[in-house]
Amino acid sequence: MNQYVIIARDGADEEAIHRRMEARPIHLAGAKNLKEHNQFIIGGAMLDDSGKMVGSVMIVQFENDEEMKNWYDNEPYITQNVWQSIEIKPFRVANV
């Protein structure tokens, strides 16, 4: 399995939190589906100093880059323009 860390920041505009909250149920359902298929390792929201969600960090795993791209192309936070700065890096969870 190839593992990836995703660091994604939401837009900074006034509508950003509205877009996030609207897409959130679909995003969480997708994360649950990934978890059921052993593709979601860990993830959650990044918070600003006031506790407002401003982005996300996820560690996911897929058999190959094609599966990763398929997930990426269908992720609601991407398709609904919630995440506006996305960094994806190969990752390896430590086996300790």
C-alpha atoms as a PDB file:
ATOM      1  CA  MET A   1       0.000   0.000   0.000  1.00  0.00           C
ATOM      2  CA  ASN A   2       1.146   3.515  -0.785  1.00  0.00           C
ATOM      3  CA  GLN A   3       0.547   5.981   2.037  1.00  0.00           C
ATOM      4  CA  TYR A   4       0.029   9.724   1.656  1.00  0.00           C
ATOM      5  CA  VAL A   5      -0.272  12.693   3.972  1.00  0.00           C
ATOM      6  CA  ILE A   6      -2.668  15.394   2.804  1.00  0.00           C
ATOM      7  CA  ILE A   7      -2.373  18.890   4.248  1.00  0.00           C
ATOM      8  CA  ALA A   8      -5.171  21.035   2.910  1.00  0.00           C
ATOM      9  CA  ARG A   9      -6.114  24.587   3.793  1.00  0.00           C
ATOM     10  CA  ASP A  10      -9.579  26.015   3.311  1.00  0.00           C
ATOM     11  CA  GLY A  11     -10.184  29.255   1.483  1.00  0.00           C
ATOM     12  CA  ALA A  12      -9.892  32.444   3.526  1.00  0.00           C
ATOM     13  CA  ASP A  13     -12.968  34.134   2.041  1.00  0.00           C
ATOM     14  CA  GLU A  14     -16.182  34.773   3.999  1.00  0.00           C
ATOM     15  CA  GLU A  15     -17.962  31.825   2.361  1.00  0.00           C
ATOM     16  CA  ALA A  16     -15.226  29.286   3.184  1.00  0.00           C
ATOM     17  CA  ILE A  17     -16.782  27.966   6.393  1.00  0.00           C
ATOM     18  CA  HIS A  18     -20.196  27.759   4.689  1.00  0.00           C
ATOM     19  CA  ARG A  19     -18.713  25.634   1.869  1.00  0.00           C
ATOM     20  CA  ARG A  20     -17.009  23.402   4.440  1.00  0.00           C
ATOM     21  CA  MET A  21     -20.155  22.869   6.495  1.00  0.00           C
ATOM     22  CA  GLU A  22     -22.231  22.140   3.399  1.00  0.00           C
ATOM     23  CA  ALA A  23     -19.750  19.554   2.077  1.00  0.00           C
ATOM     24  CA  ARG A  24     -18.873  18.112   5.485  1.00  0.00           C
ATOM     25  CA  PRO A  25     -21.500  15.328   5.717  1.00  0.00           C
ATOM     26  CA  ILE A  26     -20.484  13.964   2.301  1.00  0.00           C
ATOM     27  CA  HIS A  27     -16.779  14.327   3.144  1.00  0.00           C
ATOM     28  CA  LEU A  28     -17.228  12.450   6.450  1.00  0.00           C
ATOM     29  CA  ALA A  29     -19.237   9.704   4.737  1.00  0.00           C
ATOM     30  CA  GLY A  30     -16.373   9.331   2.264  1.00  0.00           C
ATOM     31  CA  ALA A  31     -13.828   9.147   5.094  1.00  0.00           C
ATOM     32  CA  LYS A  32     -15.974   6.469   6.766  1.00  0.00           C
ATOM     33  CA  ASN A  33     -16.001   4.511   3.492  1.00  0.00           C
ATOM     34  CA  LEU A  34     -12.212   4.821   3.234  1.00  0.00           C
ATOM     35  CA  LYS A  35     -11.897   3.551   6.818  1.00  0.00           C
ATOM     36  CA  GLU A  36     -14.133   0.561   6.068  1.00  0.00           C
ATOM     37  CA  HIS A  37     -11.766  -0.323   3.209  1.00  0.00           C
ATOM     38  CA  ASN A  38      -8.593   0.174   5.289  1.00  0.00           C
ATOM     39  CA  GLN A  39      -7.656   3.282   3.282  1.00  0.00           C
ATOM     40  CA  PHE A  40      -8.115   5.931   5.996  1.00  0.00           C
ATOM     41  CA  ILE A  41      -5.429   5.886   8.683  1.00  0.00           C
ATOM     42  CA  ILE A  42      -6.142   9.133  10.550  1.00  0.00           C
ATOM     43  CA  GLY A  43      -7.412  12.596   9.838  1.00  0.00           C
ATOM     44  CA  GLY A  44      -9.098  15.651  11.213  1.00  0.00           C
ATOM     45  CA  ALA A  45      -9.632  19.371  10.996  1.00  0.00           C
ATOM     46  CA  MET A  46      -6.920  21.978  11.470  1.00  0.00           C
ATOM     47  CA  LEU A  47      -8.104  24.755  13.771  1.00  0.00           C
ATOM     48  CA  ASP A  48      -7.220  28.423  14.072  1.00  0.00           C
ATOM     49  CA  ASP A  49      -6.568  30.098  17.435  1.00  0.00           C
ATOM     50  CA  SER A  50     -10.302  30.524  18.035  1.00  0.00           C
ATOM     51  CA  GLY A  51     -11.072  26.855  17.318  1.00  0.00           C
ATOM     52  CA  LYS A  52     -12.567  27.474  13.862  1.00  0.00           C
ATOM     53  CA  MET A  53     -11.929  24.775  11.240  1.00  0.00           C
ATOM     54  CA  VAL A  54      -9.555  26.134   8.599  1.00  0.00           C
ATOM     55  CA  GLY A  55      -8.226  23.029   6.898  1.00  0.00           C
ATOM     56  CA  SER A  56      -7.600  19.329   7.192  1.00  0.00           C
ATOM     57  CA  VAL A  57      -4.850  16.760   7.615  1.00  0.00           C
ATOM     58  CA  MET A  58      -5.388  13.180   6.482  1.00  0.00           C
ATOM     59  CA  ILE A  59      -3.193  10.135   6.222  1.00  0.00           C
ATOM     60  CA  VAL A  60      -4.607   7.700   3.685  1.00  0.00           C
ATOM     61  CA  GLN A  61      -3.389   4.644   1.821  1.00  0.00           C
ATOM     62  CA  PHE A  62      -4.184   3.188  -1.573  1.00  0.00           C
ATOM     63  CA  GLU A  63      -2.906   0.269  -3.634  1.00  0.00           C
ATOM     64  CA  ASN A  64      -1.551   2.620  -6.299  1.00  0.00           C
ATOM     65  CA  ASP A  65      -1.463   6.209  -7.518  1.00  0.00           C
ATOM     66  CA  GLU A  66      -4.458   5.584  -9.794  1.00  0.00           C
ATOM     67  CA  GLU A  67      -6.654   4.764  -6.782  1.00  0.00           C
ATOM     68  CA  MET A  68      -5.310   7.865  -5.037  1.00  0.00           C
ATOM     69  CA  LYS A  69      -6.149  10.012  -8.059  1.00  0.00           C
ATOM     70  CA  ASN A  70      -9.663   8.540  -8.224  1.00  0.00           C
ATOM     71  CA  TRP A  71     -10.229   9.451  -4.566  1.00  0.00           C
ATOM     72  CA  TYR A  72      -8.747  12.930  -5.135  1.00  0.00           C
ATOM     73  CA  ASP A  73     -10.926  13.593  -8.181  1.00  0.00           C
ATOM     74  CA  ASN A  74     -14.068  12.724  -6.201  1.00  0.00           C
ATOM     75  CA  GLU A  75     -13.282  14.160  -2.735  1.00  0.00           C
ATOM     76  CA  PRO A  76     -16.116  16.615  -1.862  1.00  0.00           C
ATOM     77  CA  TYR A  77     -13.791  19.117  -0.159  1.00  0.00           C
ATOM     78  CA  ILE A  78     -11.948  19.348  -3.474  1.00  0.00           C
ATOM     79  CA  THR A  79     -14.900  19.216  -5.885  1.00  0.00           C
ATOM     80  CA  GLN A  80     -16.837  21.764  -3.804  1.00  0.00           C
ATOM     81  CA  ASN A  81     -13.876  24.137  -3.510  1.00  0.00           C
ATOM     82  CA  VAL A  82     -13.461  23.863   0.275  1.00  0.00           C
ATOM     83  CA  TRP A  83      -9.758  23.054   0.154  1.00  0.00           C
ATOM     84  CA  GLN A  84      -7.931  25.712  -1.809  1.00  0.00           C
ATOM     85  CA  SER A  85      -4.333  24.874  -0.969  1.00  0.00           C
ATOM     86  CA  ILE A  86      -3.566  21.155  -1.077  1.00  0.00           C
ATOM     87  CA  GLU A  87      -0.253  19.463  -0.417  1.00  0.00           C
ATOM     88  CA  ILE A  88       0.047  15.700  -0.895  1.00  0.00           C
ATOM     89  CA  LYS A  89       3.237  13.892   0.019  1.00  0.00           C
ATOM     90  CA  PRO A  90       4.239  10.229   0.081  1.00  0.00           C
ATOM     91  CA  PHE A  91       4.228   9.052   3.671  1.00  0.00           C
ATOM     92  CA  ARG A  92       5.105   5.989   5.710  1.00  0.00           C
ATOM     93  CA  VAL A  93       3.488   5.238   9.049  1.00  0.00           C
ATOM     94  CA  ALA A  94       6.095   4.043  11.541  1.00  0.00           C
ATOM     95  CA  ASN A  95       5.604   0.448  12.650  1.00  0.00           C
ATOM     96  CA  VAL A  96       6.498   0.744  16.316  1.00  0.00           C
END
